[in-house]
Amino acid sequence: ALRKGSDLEKAFATAALVYNNHADPESKLSKSETKRLLQSQFWHFIQGQENKPKYQEIISSLDEESENKINFEDFMILLVSLTLMSDLLQEIKNVKTTK
């Protein structure tokens, strides 16, 4: 459906597809499944962040009441939060400024 879409549109469509492929029939993810999904599918962004207080806060919130579920909106907020604090984001910015 997005063959002619922009890179940004394709990126968000991919995020939605990954979420939907792991979500339950109610279109929600358990917190424990969310944590596993982030650790397997978002590894390059969270790698090396373990000592950052914000990272610890986000991940520990997924451990609390891990059977509680999150919706797509909350999932996207997690992705954006983890991206903003990621060292990989700074590396991406550095590549852009050196070209």
PDB file of N, CA and C in Angstrom:
ATOM      1  N   ALA A   1       0.810  -1.196   0.000  1.00  0.00           N
ATOM      2  CA  ALA A   1       0.000   0.000   0.000  1.00  0.00           C
ATOM      3  C   ALA A   1       0.859   1.268   0.000  1.00  0.00           C
ATOM      4  N   LEU A   2       2.070   1.157   0.532  1.00  0.00           N
ATOM      5  CA  LEU A   2       2.926   2.344   0.616  1.00  0.00           C
ATOM      6  C   LEU A   2       4.140   2.256  -0.303  1.00  0.00           C
ATOM      7  N   ARG A   3       4.026   1.523  -1.382  1.00  0.00           N
ATOM      8  CA  ARG A   3       5.175   1.399  -2.278  1.00  0.00           C
ATOM      9  C   ARG A   3       5.704   2.748  -2.727  1.00  0.00           C
ATOM     10  N   LYS A   4       4.816   3.709  -2.909  1.00  0.00           N
ATOM     11  CA  LYS A   4       5.243   5.034  -3.350  1.00  0.00           C
ATOM     12  C   LYS A   4       5.311   6.018  -2.187  1.00  0.00           C
ATOM     13  N   GLY A   5       5.186   5.505  -0.976  1.00  0.00           N
ATOM     14  CA  GLY A   5       5.224   6.373   0.187  1.00  0.00           C
ATOM     15  C   GLY A   5       6.620   6.899   0.461  1.00  0.00           C
ATOM     16  N   SER A   6       6.679   7.936   1.259  1.00  0.00           N
ATOM     17  CA  SER A   6       7.967   8.504   1.652  1.00  0.00           C
ATOM     18  C   SER A   6       8.672   7.566   2.634  1.00  0.00           C
ATOM     19  N   ASP A   7       9.946   7.807   2.870  1.00  0.00           N
ATOM     20  CA  ASP A   7      10.694   7.007   3.836  1.00  0.00           C
ATOM     21  C   ASP A   7      10.059   7.088   5.216  1.00  0.00           C
ATOM     22  N   LEU A   8       9.607   8.274   5.580  1.00  0.00           N
ATOM     23  CA  LEU A   8       8.985   8.453   6.896  1.00  0.00           C
ATOM     24  C   LEU A   8       7.666   7.688   6.990  1.00  0.00           C
ATOM     25  N   GLU A   9       6.874   7.744   5.940  1.00  0.00           N
ATOM     26  CA  GLU A   9       5.618   6.987   5.930  1.00  0.00           C
ATOM     27  C   GLU A   9       5.886   5.490   6.025  1.00  0.00           C
ATOM     28  N   LYS A  10       6.887   5.023   5.312  1.00  0.00           N
ATOM     29  CA  LYS A  10       7.237   3.602   5.359  1.00  0.00           C
ATOM     30  C   LYS A  10       7.740   3.208   6.742  1.00  0.00           C
ATOM     31  N   ALA A  11       8.500   4.090   7.390  1.00  0.00           N
ATOM     32  CA  ALA A  11       9.010   3.794   8.728  1.00  0.00           C
ATOM     33  C   ALA A  11       7.859   3.628   9.725  1.00  0.00           C
ATOM     34  N   PHE A  12       6.896   4.526   9.667  1.00  0.00           N
ATOM     35  CA  PHE A  12       5.760   4.431  10.587  1.00  0.00           C
ATOM     36  C   PHE A  12       4.864   3.245  10.240  1.00  0.00           C
ATOM     37  N   ALA A  13       4.717   2.957   8.972  1.00  0.00           N
ATOM     38  CA  ALA A  13       3.936   1.786   8.574  1.00  0.00           C
ATOM     39  C   ALA A  13       4.602   0.511   9.083  1.00  0.00           C
ATOM     40  N   THR A  14       5.922   0.464   9.014  1.00  0.00           N
ATOM     41  CA  THR A  14       6.659  -0.695   9.530  1.00  0.00           C
ATOM     42  C   THR A  14       6.456  -0.840  11.034  1.00  0.00           C
ATOM     43  N   ALA A  15       6.538   0.263  11.757  1.00  0.00           N
ATOM     44  CA  ALA A  15       6.309   0.225  13.210  1.00  0.00           C
ATOM     45  C   ALA A  15       4.904  -0.297  13.517  1.00  0.00           C
ATOM     46  N   ALA A  16       3.924   0.167  12.758  1.00  0.00           N
ATOM     47  CA  ALA A  16       2.545  -0.285  12.963  1.00  0.00           C
ATOM     48  C   ALA A  16       2.405  -1.775  12.654  1.00  0.00           C
ATOM     49  N   LEU A  17       3.060  -2.234  11.582  1.00  0.00           N
ATOM     50  CA  LEU A  17       3.002  -3.658  11.228  1.00  0.00           C
ATOM     51  C   LEU A  17       3.657  -4.527  12.299  1.00  0.00           C
ATOM     52  N   VAL A  18       4.816  -4.109  12.792  1.00  0.00           N
ATOM     53  CA  VAL A  18       5.498  -4.877  13.845  1.00  0.00           C
ATOM     54  C   VAL A  18       4.601  -4.955  15.073  1.00  0.00           C
ATOM     55  N   TYR A  19       4.027  -3.814  15.458  1.00  0.00           N
ATOM     56  CA  TYR A  19       3.127  -3.797  16.614  1.00  0.00           C
ATOM     57  C   TYR A  19       1.948  -4.749  16.387  1.00  0.00           C
ATOM     58  N   ASN A  20       1.293  -4.606  15.248  1.00  0.00           N
ATOM     59  CA  ASN A  20       0.112  -5.431  14.972  1.00  0.00           C
ATOM     60  C   ASN A  20       0.437  -6.917  14.902  1.00  0.00           C
ATOM     61  N   ASN A  21       1.614  -7.261  14.420  1.00  0.00           N
ATOM     62  CA  ASN A  21       2.009  -8.672  14.345  1.00  0.00           C
ATOM     63  C   ASN A  21       2.214  -9.294  15.726  1.00  0.00           C
ATOM     64  N   HIS A  22       2.486  -8.460  16.738  1.00  0.00           N
ATOM     65  CA  HIS A  22       2.709  -8.969  18.088  1.00  0.00           C
ATOM     66  C   HIS A  22       1.538  -8.719  19.026  1.00  0.00           C
ATOM     67  N   ALA A  23       0.609  -7.884  18.620  1.00  0.00           N
ATOM     68  CA  ALA A  23      -0.522  -7.525  19.472  1.00  0.00           C
ATOM     69  C   ALA A  23      -1.531  -8.669  19.566  1.00  0.00           C
ATOM     70  N   ASP A  24      -2.291  -8.629  20.648  1.00  0.00           N
ATOM     71  CA  ASP A  24      -3.338  -9.630  20.842  1.00  0.00           C
ATOM     72  C   ASP A  24      -4.575  -9.257  20.012  1.00  0.00           C
ATOM     73  N   PRO A  25      -5.620 -10.066  20.066  1.00  0.00           N
ATOM     74  CA  PRO A  25      -6.824  -9.765  19.273  1.00  0.00           C
ATOM     75  C   PRO A  25      -7.479  -8.419  19.604  1.00  0.00           C
ATOM     76  N   GLU A  26      -7.175  -7.871  20.774  1.00  0.00           N
ATOM     77  CA  GLU A  26      -7.706  -6.561  21.155  1.00  0.00           C
ATOM     78  C   GLU A  26      -6.787  -5.430  20.701  1.00  0.00           C
ATOM     79  N   SER A  27      -5.774  -5.763  19.910  1.00  0.00           N
ATOM     80  CA  SER A  27      -4.780  -4.800  19.418  1.00  0.00           C
ATOM     81  C   SER A  27      -3.979  -4.165  20.550  1.00  0.00           C
ATOM     82  N   LYS A  28      -3.627  -4.973  21.529  1.00  0.00           N
ATOM     83  CA  LYS A  28      -2.802  -4.502  22.643  1.00  0.00           C
ATOM     84  C   LYS A  28      -1.660  -5.484  22.885  1.00  0.00           C
ATOM     85  N   LEU A  29      -0.612  -4.950  23.525  1.00  0.00           N
ATOM     86  CA  LEU A  29       0.545  -5.771  23.908  1.00  0.00           C
ATOM     87  C   LEU A  29       0.653  -5.789  25.424  1.00  0.00           C
ATOM     88  N   SER A  30       0.985  -6.959  25.971  1.00  0.00           N
ATOM     89  CA  SER A  30       1.292  -6.988  27.399  1.00  0.00           C
ATOM     90  C   SER A  30       2.607  -6.242  27.597  1.00  0.00           C
ATOM     91  N   LYS A  31       2.823  -5.744  28.800  1.00  0.00           N
ATOM     92  CA  LYS A  31       4.075  -5.031  29.067  1.00  0.00           C
ATOM     93  C   LYS A  31       5.272  -5.957  28.899  1.00  0.00           C
ATOM     94  N   SER A  32       5.126  -7.212  29.306  1.00  0.00           N
ATOM     95  CA  SER A  32       6.246  -8.149  29.166  1.00  0.00           C
ATOM     96  C   SER A  32       6.552  -8.417  27.694  1.00  0.00           C
ATOM     97  N   GLU A  33       5.513  -8.537  26.853  1.00  0.00           N
ATOM     98  CA  GLU A  33       5.724  -8.717  25.417  1.00  0.00           C
ATOM     99  C   GLU A  33       6.342  -7.458  24.809  1.00  0.00           C
ATOM    100  N   THR A  34       5.915  -6.302  25.280  1.00  0.00           N
ATOM    101  CA  THR A  34       6.482  -5.039  24.801  1.00  0.00           C
ATOM    102  C   THR A  34       7.969  -4.989  25.090  1.00  0.00           C
ATOM    103  N   LYS A  35       8.355  -5.389  26.288  1.00  0.00           N
ATOM    104  CA  LYS A  35       9.773  -5.384  26.660  1.00  0.00           C
ATOM    105  C   LYS A  35      10.566  -6.332  25.769  1.00  0.00           C
ATOM    106  N   ARG A  36      10.041  -7.533  25.548  1.00  0.00           N
ATOM    107  CA  ARG A  36      10.729  -8.496  24.667  1.00  0.00           C
ATOM    108  C   ARG A  36      10.837  -7.949  23.246  1.00  0.00           C
ATOM    109  N   LEU A  37       9.777  -7.321  22.776  1.00  0.00           N
ATOM    110  CA  LEU A  37       9.774  -6.762  21.422  1.00  0.00           C
ATOM    111  C   LEU A  37      10.815  -5.658  21.290  1.00  0.00           C
ATOM    112  N   LEU A  38      10.881  -4.771  22.267  1.00  0.00           N
ATOM    113  CA  LEU A  38      11.887  -3.707  22.235  1.00  0.00           C
ATOM    114  C   LEU A  38      13.294  -4.274  22.266  1.00  0.00           C
ATOM    115  N   GLN A  39      13.510  -5.288  23.102  1.00  0.00           N
ATOM    116  CA  GLN A  39      14.844  -5.872  23.217  1.00  0.00           C
ATOM    117  C   GLN A  39      15.260  -6.625  21.955  1.00  0.00           C
ATOM    118  N   SER A  40      14.304  -7.137  21.217  1.00  0.00           N
ATOM    119  CA  SER A  40      14.667  -7.875  20.003  1.00  0.00           C
ATOM    120  C   SER A  40      14.609  -7.015  18.738  1.00  0.00           C
ATOM    121  N   GLN A  41      13.672  -6.083  18.652  1.00  0.00           N
ATOM    122  CA  GLN A  41      13.471  -5.316  17.433  1.00  0.00           C
ATOM    123  C   GLN A  41      14.023  -3.894  17.486  1.00  0.00           C
ATOM    124  N   PHE A  42      14.413  -3.436  18.671  1.00  0.00           N
ATOM    125  CA  PHE A  42      14.873  -2.053  18.819  1.00  0.00           C
ATOM    126  C   PHE A  42      16.237  -2.010  19.500  1.00  0.00           C
ATOM    127  N   TRP A  43      16.957  -3.108  19.381  1.00  0.00           N
ATOM    128  CA  TRP A  43      18.216  -3.316  20.092  1.00  0.00           C
ATOM    129  C   TRP A  43      19.247  -2.223  19.828  1.00  0.00           C
ATOM    130  N   HIS A  44      19.423  -1.817  18.600  1.00  0.00           N
ATOM    131  CA  HIS A  44      20.465  -0.836  18.285  1.00  0.00           C
ATOM    132  C   HIS A  44      20.198   0.522  18.931  1.00  0.00           C
ATOM    133  N   PHE A  45      18.949   0.842  19.172  1.00  0.00           N
ATOM    134  CA  PHE A  45      18.623   2.101  19.831  1.00  0.00           C
ATOM    135  C   PHE A  45      18.765   2.008  21.352  1.00  0.00           C
ATOM    136  N   ILE A  46      18.538   0.828  21.933  1.00  0.00           N
ATOM    137  CA  ILE A  46      18.609   0.732  23.396  1.00  0.00           C
ATOM    138  C   ILE A  46      19.953   0.200  23.902  1.00  0.00           C
ATOM    139  N   GLN A  47      20.755  -0.301  23.007  1.00  0.00           N
ATOM    140  CA  GLN A  47      22.070  -0.825  23.384  1.00  0.00           C
ATOM    141  C   GLN A  47      22.897   0.271  24.062  1.00  0.00           C
ATOM    142  N   GLY A  48      23.457  -0.038  25.222  1.00  0.00           N
ATOM    143  CA  GLY A  48      24.305   0.898  25.947  1.00  0.00           C
ATOM    144  C   GLY A  48      23.553   1.924  26.779  1.00  0.00           C
ATOM    145  N   GLN A  49      22.239   1.827  26.827  1.00  0.00           N
ATOM    146  CA  GLN A  49      21.441   2.809  27.566  1.00  0.00           C
ATOM    147  C   GLN A  49      21.109   2.358  28.991  1.00  0.00           C
ATOM    148  N   GLU A  50      21.554   1.170  29.360  1.00  0.00           N
ATOM    149  CA  GLU A  50      21.140   0.545  30.608  1.00  0.00           C
ATOM    150  C   GLU A  50      21.404   1.383  31.855  1.00  0.00           C
ATOM    151  N   ASN A  51      22.422   2.232  31.835  1.00  0.00           N
ATOM    152  CA  ASN A  51      22.760   3.024  33.013  1.00  0.00           C
ATOM    153  C   ASN A  51      22.075   4.383  33.064  1.00  0.00           C
ATOM    154  N   LYS A  52      21.346   4.719  32.034  1.00  0.00           N
ATOM    155  CA  LYS A  52      20.650   6.004  32.012  1.00  0.00           C
ATOM    156  C   LYS A  52      19.369   5.908  32.849  1.00  0.00           C
ATOM    157  N   PRO A  53      19.169   6.856  33.748  1.00  0.00           N
ATOM    158  CA  PRO A  53      17.973   6.802  34.609  1.00  0.00           C
ATOM    159  C   PRO A  53      16.661   6.734  33.834  1.00  0.00           C
ATOM    160  N   LYS A  54      16.530   7.482  32.758  1.00  0.00           N
ATOM    161  CA  LYS A  54      15.280   7.469  31.989  1.00  0.00           C
ATOM    162  C   LYS A  54      15.039   6.101  31.367  1.00  0.00           C
ATOM    163  N   TYR A  55      16.095   5.471  30.856  1.00  0.00           N
ATOM    164  CA  TYR A  55      15.966   4.124  30.302  1.00  0.00           C
ATOM    165  C   TYR A  55      15.507   3.156  31.389  1.00  0.00           C
ATOM    166  N   GLN A  56      16.148   3.227  32.543  1.00  0.00           N
ATOM    167  CA  GLN A  56      15.783   2.347  33.649  1.00  0.00           C
ATOM    168  C   GLN A  56      14.330   2.554  34.056  1.00  0.00           C
ATOM    169  N   GLU A  57      13.897   3.804  34.051  1.00  0.00           N
ATOM    170  CA  GLU A  57      12.506   4.116  34.397  1.00  0.00           C
ATOM    171  C   GLU A  57      11.538   3.481  33.393  1.00  0.00           C
ATOM    172  N   ILE A  58      11.848   3.620  32.120  1.00  0.00           N
ATOM    173  CA  ILE A  58      10.971   3.067  31.081  1.00  0.00           C
ATOM    174  C   ILE A  58      10.906   1.545  31.179  1.00  0.00           C
ATOM    175  N   ILE A  59      12.066   0.915  31.265  1.00  0.00           N
ATOM    176  CA  ILE A  59      12.104  -0.550  31.298  1.00  0.00           C
ATOM    177  C   ILE A  59      11.488  -1.086  32.586  1.00  0.00           C
ATOM    178  N   SER A  60      11.751  -0.439  33.710  1.00  0.00           N
ATOM    179  CA  SER A  60      11.169  -0.921  34.959  1.00  0.00           C
ATOM    180  C   SER A  60       9.652  -0.772  34.951  1.00  0.00           C
ATOM    181  N   SER A  61       9.133   0.237  34.236  1.00  0.00           N
ATOM    182  CA  SER A  61       7.675   0.374  34.137  1.00  0.00           C
ATOM    183  C   SER A  61       7.069  -0.805  33.375  1.00  0.00           C
ATOM    184  N   LEU A  62       7.850  -1.409  32.487  1.00  0.00           N
ATOM    185  CA  LEU A  62       7.366  -2.581  31.755  1.00  0.00           C
ATOM    186  C   LEU A  62       7.418  -3.841  32.614  1.00  0.00           C
ATOM    187  N   ASP A  63       8.259  -3.831  33.662  1.00  0.00           N
ATOM    188  CA  ASP A  63       8.341  -4.966  34.567  1.00  0.00           C
ATOM    189  C   ASP A  63       7.213  -4.953  35.599  1.00  0.00           C
ATOM    190  N   GLU A  64       6.749  -3.745  35.941  1.00  0.00           N
ATOM    191  CA  GLU A  64       5.672  -3.616  36.917  1.00  0.00           C
ATOM    192  C   GLU A  64       4.361  -4.044  36.287  1.00  0.00           C
ATOM    193  N   GLU A  65       3.667  -4.912  36.968  1.00  0.00           N
ATOM    194  CA  GLU A  65       2.381  -5.393  36.462  1.00  0.00           C
ATOM    195  C   GLU A  65       2.506  -5.764  34.985  1.00  0.00           C
ATOM    196  N   SER A  66       3.444  -6.649  34.718  1.00  0.00           N
ATOM    197  CA  SER A  66       3.827  -6.950  33.337  1.00  0.00           C
ATOM    198  C   SER A  66       2.702  -7.522  32.481  1.00  0.00           C
ATOM    199  N   GLU A  67       1.629  -7.964  33.091  1.00  0.00           N
ATOM    200  CA  GLU A  67       0.504  -8.468  32.303  1.00  0.00           C
ATOM    201  C   GLU A  67      -0.437  -7.358  31.867  1.00  0.00           C
ATOM    202  N   ASN A  68      -0.278  -6.168  32.447  1.00  0.00           N
ATOM    203  CA  ASN A  68      -1.074  -5.032  31.968  1.00  0.00           C
ATOM    204  C   ASN A  68      -0.728  -4.785  30.516  1.00  0.00           C
ATOM    205  N   LYS A  69      -1.642  -4.213  29.791  1.00  0.00           N
ATOM    206  CA  LYS A  69      -1.443  -4.073  28.359  1.00  0.00           C
ATOM    207  C   LYS A  69      -1.310  -2.615  27.951  1.00  0.00           C
ATOM    208  N   ILE A  70      -0.611  -2.415  26.839  1.00  0.00           N
ATOM    209  CA  ILE A  70      -0.467  -1.069  26.284  1.00  0.00           C
ATOM    210  C   ILE A  70      -1.032  -1.055  24.870  1.00  0.00           C
ATOM    211  N   ASN A  71      -1.481   0.103  24.465  1.00  0.00           N
ATOM    212  CA  ASN A  71      -2.033   0.243  23.124  1.00  0.00           C
ATOM    213  C   ASN A  71      -0.955   0.776  22.175  1.00  0.00           C
ATOM    214  N   PHE A  72      -1.324   0.947  20.924  1.00  0.00           N
ATOM    215  CA  PHE A  72      -0.367   1.385  19.917  1.00  0.00           C
ATOM    216  C   PHE A  72       0.184   2.779  20.231  1.00  0.00           C
ATOM    217  N   GLU A  73      -0.668   3.670  20.705  1.00  0.00           N
ATOM    218  CA  GLU A  73      -0.222   5.021  21.039  1.00  0.00           C
ATOM    219  C   GLU A  73       0.877   4.979  22.107  1.00  0.00           C
ATOM    220  N   ASP A  74       0.674   4.198  23.160  1.00  0.00           N
ATOM    221  CA  ASP A  74       1.681   4.083  24.210  1.00  0.00           C
ATOM    222  C   ASP A  74       2.967   3.440  23.682  1.00  0.00           C
ATOM    223  N   PHE A  75       2.804   2.475  22.793  1.00  0.00           N
ATOM    224  CA  PHE A  75       3.963   1.827  22.188  1.00  0.00           C
ATOM    225  C   PHE A  75       4.798   2.835  21.399  1.00  0.00           C
ATOM    226  N   MET A  76       4.138   3.675  20.618  1.00  0.00           N
ATOM    227  CA  MET A  76       4.855   4.676  19.835  1.00  0.00           C
ATOM    228  C   MET A  76       5.537   5.704  20.743  1.00  0.00           C
ATOM    229  N   ILE A  77       4.914   6.062  21.842  1.00  0.00           N
ATOM    230  CA  ILE A  77       5.535   6.975  22.797  1.00  0.00           C
ATOM    231  C   ILE A  77       6.795   6.349  23.373  1.00  0.00           C
ATOM    232  N   LEU A  78       6.745   5.050  23.667  1.00  0.00           N
ATOM    233  CA  LEU A  78       7.946   4.345  24.133  1.00  0.00           C
ATOM    234  C   LEU A  78       9.055   4.405  23.086  1.00  0.00           C
ATOM    235  N   LEU A  79       8.717   4.132  21.830  1.00  0.00           N
ATOM    236  CA  LEU A  79       9.719   4.167  20.766  1.00  0.00           C
ATOM    237  C   LEU A  79      10.354   5.545  20.643  1.00  0.00           C
ATOM    238  N   VAL A  80       9.534   6.565  20.667  1.00  0.00           N
ATOM    239  CA  VAL A  80      10.057   7.930  20.540  1.00  0.00           C
ATOM    240  C   VAL A  80      10.926   8.269  21.749  1.00  0.00           C
ATOM    241  N   SER A  81      10.484   7.921  22.945  1.00  0.00           N
ATOM    242  CA  SER A  81      11.256   8.205  24.156  1.00  0.00           C
ATOM    243  C   SER A  81      12.619   7.519  24.114  1.00  0.00           C
ATOM    244  N   LEU A  82      12.619   6.254  23.743  1.00  0.00           N
ATOM    245  CA  LEU A  82      13.884   5.517  23.674  1.00  0.00           C
ATOM    246  C   LEU A  82      14.791   6.059  22.568  1.00  0.00           C
ATOM    247  N   THR A  83      14.200   6.480  21.470  1.00  0.00           N
ATOM    248  CA  THR A  83      14.980   7.047  20.375  1.00  0.00           C
ATOM    249  C   THR A  83      15.635   8.354  20.791  1.00  0.00           C
ATOM    250  N   LEU A  84      14.881   9.216  21.455  1.00  0.00           N
ATOM    251  CA  LEU A  84      15.404  10.527  21.845  1.00  0.00           C
ATOM    252  C   LEU A  84      16.589  10.434  22.792  1.00  0.00           C
ATOM    253  N   MET A  85      16.626   9.422  23.640  1.00  0.00           N
ATOM    254  CA  MET A  85      17.736   9.324  24.590  1.00  0.00           C
ATOM    255  C   MET A  85      18.870   8.441  24.079  1.00  0.00           C
ATOM    256  N   SER A  86      18.688   7.844  22.936  1.00  0.00           N
ATOM    257  CA  SER A  86      19.650   6.881  22.419  1.00  0.00           C
ATOM    258  C   SER A  86      20.942   7.528  21.934  1.00  0.00           C
ATOM    259  N   ASP A  87      22.043   6.851  22.197  1.00  0.00           N
ATOM    260  CA  ASP A  87      23.327   7.267  21.650  1.00  0.00           C
ATOM    261  C   ASP A  87      23.336   7.126  20.130  1.00  0.00           C
ATOM    262  N   LEU A  88      22.558   6.189  19.621  1.00  0.00           N
ATOM    263  CA  LEU A  88      22.491   5.978  18.172  1.00  0.00           C
ATOM    264  C   LEU A  88      21.937   7.222  17.477  1.00  0.00           C
ATOM    265  N   LEU A  89      21.011   7.909  18.121  1.00  0.00           N
ATOM    266  CA  LEU A  89      20.476   9.135  17.538  1.00  0.00           C
ATOM    267  C   LEU A  89      21.587  10.164  17.343  1.00  0.00           C
ATOM    268  N   GLN A  90      22.474  10.288  18.323  1.00  0.00           N
ATOM    269  CA  GLN A  90      23.593  11.223  18.187  1.00  0.00           C
ATOM    270  C   GLN A  90      24.537  10.793  17.066  1.00  0.00           C
ATOM    271  N   GLU A  91      24.759   9.494  16.938  1.00  0.00           N
ATOM    272  CA  GLU A  91      25.598   8.995  15.849  1.00  0.00           C
ATOM    273  C   GLU A  91      24.980   9.324  14.491  1.00  0.00           C
ATOM    274  N   ILE A  92      23.668   9.188  14.386  1.00  0.00           N
ATOM    275  CA  ILE A  92      22.969   9.514  13.131  1.00  0.00           C
ATOM    276  C   ILE A  92      23.131  11.004  12.831  1.00  0.00           C
ATOM    277  N   LYS A  93      22.989  11.850  13.853  1.00  0.00           N
ATOM    278  CA  LYS A  93      23.152  13.281  13.664  1.00  0.00           C
ATOM    279  C   LYS A  93      24.568  13.604  13.220  1.00  0.00           C
ATOM    280  N   ASN A  94      25.571  12.921  13.789  1.00  0.00           N
ATOM    281  CA  ASN A  94      26.964  13.159  13.429  1.00  0.00           C
ATOM    282  C   ASN A  94      27.241  12.796  11.977  1.00  0.00           C
ATOM    283  N   VAL A  95      26.638  11.730  11.490  1.00  0.00           N
ATOM    284  CA  VAL A  95      26.819  11.328  10.098  1.00  0.00           C
ATOM    285  C   VAL A  95      26.264  12.414   9.177  1.00  0.00           C
ATOM    286  N   LYS A  96      25.115  12.938   9.519  1.00  0.00           N
ATOM    287  CA  LYS A  96      24.486  13.967   8.702  1.00  0.00           C
ATOM    288  C   LYS A  96      25.342  15.215   8.639  1.00  0.00           C
ATOM    289  N   THR A  97      25.929  15.636   9.758  1.00  0.00           N
ATOM    290  CA  THR A  97      26.701  16.873   9.785  1.00  0.00           C
ATOM    291  C   THR A  97      28.067  16.712   9.140  1.00  0.00           C
ATOM    292  N   THR A  98      28.572  15.487   8.997  1.00  0.00           N
ATOM    293  CA  THR A  98      29.876  15.300   8.390  1.00  0.00           C
ATOM    294  C   THR A  98      29.790  15.118   6.881  1.00  0.00           C
ATOM    295  N   LYS A  99      28.606  15.028   6.334  1.00  0.00           N
ATOM    296  CA  LYS A  99      28.465  14.867   4.874  1.00  0.00           C
ATOM    297  C   LYS A  99      28.462  16.181   4.181  1.00  0.00           C
TER     298      LYS A  99
END
